[in-house]
Amino acid sequence: MTIAEQPLGVIFDMDGVLIDSYDAHLKTWQICCERHGRSCTEAEFLAGFGRTSREVIRETWQNPPSDEDIAKFDAEKEQLYRDLVAASFPCMPGARELIQSLYDLGIPMAIGSSGPPKNVELTIAQLNIRQQITTVITGADVERGKPHPDVFLKCAQGLGLPAEHCIVLEDAPVGVDAALAAGSWCLGIVSRGRTVDQLQRAHHRVLHDLTAVTPALLRRIVSGEFL
């Protein structure tokens, strides 16, 4: 079997891969924390970027609020985020083009994100990729977020493929760890706020965005060419 004939599934993280959401997420964290008498530095934001907000709050805030109050805070923050993004959608360069080229080749794709379902749905609608993406797994679909592998294992299951036949495109260190824990391959996208060193465990790293990514490159990574 040639490389081109081997089964392949592609799993996209969302934030920092399909959407340049850094500014919007930072702004909403800071606004909502200030409303609730807390502060949020950019360094604190970066430390939790890529994880579910409920996990960040429970694990890092001193005297974290109740689960009910966390849910209210989260709902407020995510609605503000969606309002900002809907007003001016920051698409990552190359995202639409890569997804269309994979779709044209019949390669199944999924989104595996720590974000809430409404955020993921907004991105899918703005990118107009509902037809191309067959499986969507969000932070609401798993009990354990990244770096646990649950999101990506569910994506692979939805694609009908073993995790080892899937490649995950990720910009967050916890996402890279989750992909490797699932047994999948991983391509690191060095988005804003990230460094090459942070993604060193990925099987290959691409700077800034998806413009340099092709179906052929993804197949080469899964073939082990970059080991």
Protein backbone atom coordinates (compact mmCIF):
# COMPACT_ATOMS: atom_id res chain seq x y z
CA MET A 1 0.00 0.00 0.00
CA THR A 2 1.41 3.39 -0.99
CA ILE A 3 1.38 6.42 1.31
CA ALA A 4 -1.47 7.90 -0.70
CA GLU A 5 -3.56 4.75 -0.22
CA GLN A 6 -3.17 4.50 3.56
CA PRO A 7 -6.25 5.50 5.62
CA LEU A 8 -5.94 9.02 6.95
CA GLY A 9 -8.12 11.22 9.14
CA VAL A 10 -7.36 14.85 9.94
CA ILE A 11 -8.41 16.41 13.25
CA PHE A 12 -8.31 20.18 13.71
CA ASP A 13 -8.07 21.98 16.99
CA MET A 14 -10.02 25.23 16.65
CA ASP A 15 -8.47 28.14 18.56
CA GLY A 16 -5.14 29.15 17.05
CA VAL A 17 -5.57 26.69 14.17
CA LEU A 18 -8.81 27.59 12.40
CA ILE A 19 -9.44 30.92 14.08
CA ASP A 20 -7.00 33.52 15.40
CA SER A 21 -8.96 33.91 18.61
CA TYR A 22 -6.11 35.02 20.88
CA ASP A 23 -7.12 38.68 21.24
CA ALA A 24 -10.83 37.92 21.66
CA HIS A 25 -10.24 35.29 24.35
CA LEU A 26 -7.74 37.45 26.25
CA LYS A 27 -10.08 40.45 26.17
CA THR A 28 -13.10 38.47 27.37
CA TRP A 29 -11.17 36.82 30.21
CA GLN A 30 -9.90 40.20 31.39
CA ILE A 31 -13.27 41.95 31.10
CA CYS A 32 -15.18 39.20 32.92
CA CYS A 33 -12.57 38.79 35.64
CA GLU A 34 -12.68 42.54 36.29
CA ARG A 35 -16.49 42.42 36.50
CA HIS A 36 -16.15 39.76 39.19
CA GLY A 37 -13.46 41.51 41.20
CA ARG A 38 -10.53 39.50 39.90
CA SER A 39 -7.57 40.18 37.65
CA CYS A 40 -6.23 38.22 34.69
CA THR A 41 -2.78 38.96 33.35
CA GLU A 42 -1.77 37.90 29.88
CA ALA A 43 0.67 35.39 31.41
CA GLU A 44 -2.15 33.83 33.46
CA PHE A 45 -4.35 33.71 30.37
CA LEU A 46 -1.60 32.01 28.34
CA ALA A 47 -1.03 29.38 31.02
CA GLY A 48 -4.59 28.14 30.59
CA PHE A 49 -5.11 28.81 26.87
CA GLY A 50 -6.25 25.61 25.14
CA ARG A 51 -7.94 24.17 28.23
CA THR A 52 -11.57 24.36 29.29
CA SER A 53 -12.25 27.46 31.36
CA ARG A 54 -13.95 25.40 34.07
CA GLU A 55 -10.70 23.47 34.59
CA VAL A 56 -8.61 26.66 34.63
CA ILE A 57 -10.86 28.26 37.25
CA ARG A 58 -11.04 25.18 39.49
CA GLU A 59 -7.30 24.53 39.39
CA THR A 60 -5.77 28.01 39.47
CA TRP A 61 -8.11 30.41 41.28
CA GLN A 62 -7.71 30.83 45.00
CA ASN A 63 -11.04 30.07 46.69
CA PRO A 64 -12.72 29.05 43.41
CA PRO A 65 -16.46 29.72 43.22
CA SER A 66 -19.13 27.04 43.24
CA ASP A 67 -19.81 24.97 40.14
CA GLU A 68 -22.98 27.00 39.60
CA ASP A 69 -21.10 30.31 39.75
CA ILE A 70 -18.36 28.96 37.48
CA ALA A 71 -21.02 28.01 34.94
CA LYS A 72 -22.53 31.52 35.10
CA PHE A 73 -19.11 33.15 34.70
CA ASP A 74 -18.31 30.87 31.80
CA ALA A 75 -21.61 31.56 30.03
CA GLU A 76 -21.08 35.31 30.39
CA LYS A 77 -17.51 35.12 29.12
CA GLU A 78 -18.29 32.92 26.14
CA GLN A 79 -21.22 35.08 25.02
CA LEU A 80 -18.97 38.14 25.09
CA TYR A 81 -16.37 36.18 23.09
CA ARG A 82 -18.93 35.20 20.45
CA ASP A 83 -20.13 38.78 20.15
CA LEU A 84 -16.57 39.97 19.48
CA VAL A 85 -15.78 37.21 16.99
CA ALA A 86 -19.07 37.48 15.11
CA ALA A 87 -18.48 41.21 14.60
CA SER A 88 -15.12 40.56 12.91
CA PHE A 89 -14.19 36.93 12.32
CA PRO A 90 -10.40 36.36 12.49
CA CYS A 91 -9.95 33.37 10.17
CA MET A 92 -6.52 31.74 10.24
CA PRO A 93 -4.85 32.08 6.82
CA GLY A 94 -4.97 28.87 4.80
CA ALA A 95 -7.71 27.23 6.88
CA ARG A 96 -10.48 27.21 4.28
CA GLU A 97 -8.11 26.23 1.49
CA LEU A 98 -6.63 23.26 3.37
CA ILE A 99 -10.03 21.95 4.41
CA GLN A 100 -11.32 22.16 0.85
CA SER A 101 -8.27 20.38 -0.57
CA LEU A 102 -8.65 17.55 1.96
CA TYR A 103 -12.36 17.31 1.20
CA ASP A 104 -11.68 17.14 -2.54
CA LEU A 105 -9.41 14.14 -1.90
CA GLY A 106 -12.06 12.39 0.21
CA ILE A 107 -10.03 12.63 3.44
CA PRO A 108 -12.37 12.67 6.47
CA MET A 109 -11.99 15.53 8.93
CA ALA A 110 -13.02 16.36 12.47
CA ILE A 111 -12.78 19.27 14.88
CA GLY A 112 -11.62 18.46 18.40
CA SER A 113 -11.80 21.56 20.59
CA SER A 114 -11.86 22.40 24.29
CA GLY A 115 -14.27 25.21 23.45
CA PRO A 116 -18.03 25.22 24.10
CA PRO A 117 -20.37 23.93 21.34
CA LYS A 118 -21.68 27.41 20.45
CA ASN A 119 -18.16 28.71 19.86
CA VAL A 120 -17.32 25.76 17.62
CA GLU A 121 -20.59 26.13 15.72
CA LEU A 122 -19.87 29.83 15.16
CA THR A 123 -16.47 29.02 13.68
CA ILE A 124 -17.91 26.30 11.43
CA ALA A 125 -20.59 28.70 10.18
CA GLN A 126 -18.16 31.56 9.60
CA LEU A 127 -15.76 29.30 7.68
CA ASN A 128 -18.66 27.70 5.79
CA ILE A 129 -17.24 24.19 6.34
CA ARG A 130 -20.27 22.34 7.69
CA GLN A 131 -20.35 20.01 4.68
CA GLN A 132 -16.65 19.17 4.89
CA ILE A 133 -16.37 18.44 8.62
CA THR A 134 -18.06 15.14 9.50
CA THR A 135 -17.28 14.95 13.22
CA VAL A 136 -17.27 17.66 15.89
CA ILE A 137 -16.22 17.04 19.50
CA THR A 138 -16.20 19.92 22.00
CA GLY A 139 -15.35 20.48 25.64
CA ALA A 140 -18.97 19.65 26.51
CA ASP A 141 -18.62 16.13 25.07
CA VAL A 142 -15.91 14.95 27.46
CA GLU A 143 -15.40 14.90 31.21
CA ARG A 144 -11.65 15.32 30.92
CA GLY A 145 -10.25 18.04 28.70
CA LYS A 146 -6.79 18.24 27.15
CA PRO A 147 -4.08 17.09 27.96
CA HIS A 148 -6.22 13.97 28.41
CA PRO A 149 -6.80 12.20 25.07
CA ASP A 150 -10.59 11.92 25.29
CA VAL A 151 -11.43 14.64 22.73
CA PHE A 152 -9.19 13.15 20.06
CA LEU A 153 -10.17 9.55 20.78
CA LYS A 154 -13.80 10.53 20.25
CA CYS A 155 -12.87 12.34 17.04
CA ALA A 156 -11.13 9.24 15.69
CA GLN A 157 -14.12 7.11 16.65
CA GLY A 158 -16.42 9.53 14.83
CA LEU A 159 -14.23 9.30 11.73
CA GLY A 160 -14.33 5.51 11.90
CA LEU A 161 -10.54 5.26 12.10
CA PRO A 162 -8.01 4.09 14.68
CA ALA A 163 -6.37 7.05 16.41
CA GLU A 164 -3.00 6.03 14.95
CA HIS A 165 -4.33 6.74 11.46
CA CYS A 166 -5.24 10.31 12.43
CA ILE A 167 -3.14 13.46 12.52
CA VAL A 168 -4.04 16.29 14.87
CA LEU A 169 -3.29 19.93 14.02
CA GLU A 170 -2.67 21.73 17.33
CA ASP A 171 -1.26 25.00 18.61
CA ALA A 172 -1.29 24.32 22.37
CA PRO A 173 1.18 22.20 24.36
CA VAL A 174 -1.71 20.53 26.22
CA GLY A 175 -3.26 19.71 22.84
CA VAL A 176 -0.04 18.15 21.59
CA ASP A 177 0.10 16.05 24.76
CA ALA A 178 -3.53 15.00 24.24
CA ALA A 179 -2.87 13.97 20.63
CA LEU A 180 0.15 11.89 21.60
CA ALA A 181 -1.73 10.32 24.52
CA ALA A 182 -4.45 9.28 22.05
CA GLY A 183 -1.82 7.57 19.90
CA SER A 184 -2.31 10.01 17.02
CA TRP A 185 0.22 11.93 14.98
CA CYS A 186 0.54 15.66 15.58
CA LEU A 187 1.47 18.73 13.60
CA GLY A 188 2.15 21.81 15.72
CA ILE A 189 0.93 25.21 14.58
CA VAL A 190 3.02 27.93 16.24
CA SER A 191 0.23 30.46 16.66
CA ARG A 192 0.29 33.73 18.60
CA GLY A 193 1.45 33.28 22.15
CA ARG A 194 3.20 30.00 21.35
CA THR A 195 6.82 29.13 20.64
CA VAL A 196 8.49 26.34 18.66
CA ASP A 197 10.01 25.03 21.89
CA GLN A 198 6.57 24.63 23.48
CA LEU A 199 5.49 22.37 20.62
CA GLN A 200 8.69 20.37 20.37
CA ARG A 201 6.91 17.09 21.11
CA ALA A 202 4.82 17.38 17.93
CA HIS A 203 5.97 15.28 15.01
CA HIS A 204 6.38 18.39 12.86
CA ARG A 205 5.99 22.14 13.41
CA VAL A 206 4.74 24.81 11.01
CA LEU A 207 5.08 28.51 11.78
CA HIS A 208 2.12 30.84 12.13
CA ASP A 209 -0.75 29.29 10.12
CA LEU A 210 -1.93 26.63 7.68
CA THR A 211 -0.72 28.20 4.43
CA ALA A 212 2.28 25.86 4.33
CA VAL A 213 0.23 22.73 5.08
CA THR A 214 -0.86 20.41 2.28
CA PRO A 215 -2.49 16.95 2.19
CA ALA A 216 0.84 15.60 0.96
CA LEU A 217 2.67 17.03 3.99
CA LEU A 218 0.15 15.47 6.37
CA ARG A 219 0.60 12.07 4.71
CA ARG A 220 4.38 12.39 4.95
CA ILE A 221 4.15 13.09 8.68
CA VAL A 222 1.89 10.07 9.26
CA SER A 223 4.29 7.92 7.24
CA GLY A 224 6.95 8.73 9.86
CA GLU A 225 9.10 10.82 7.56
CA PHE A 226 9.76 13.46 10.22
CA LEU A 227 10.70 11.11 13.04
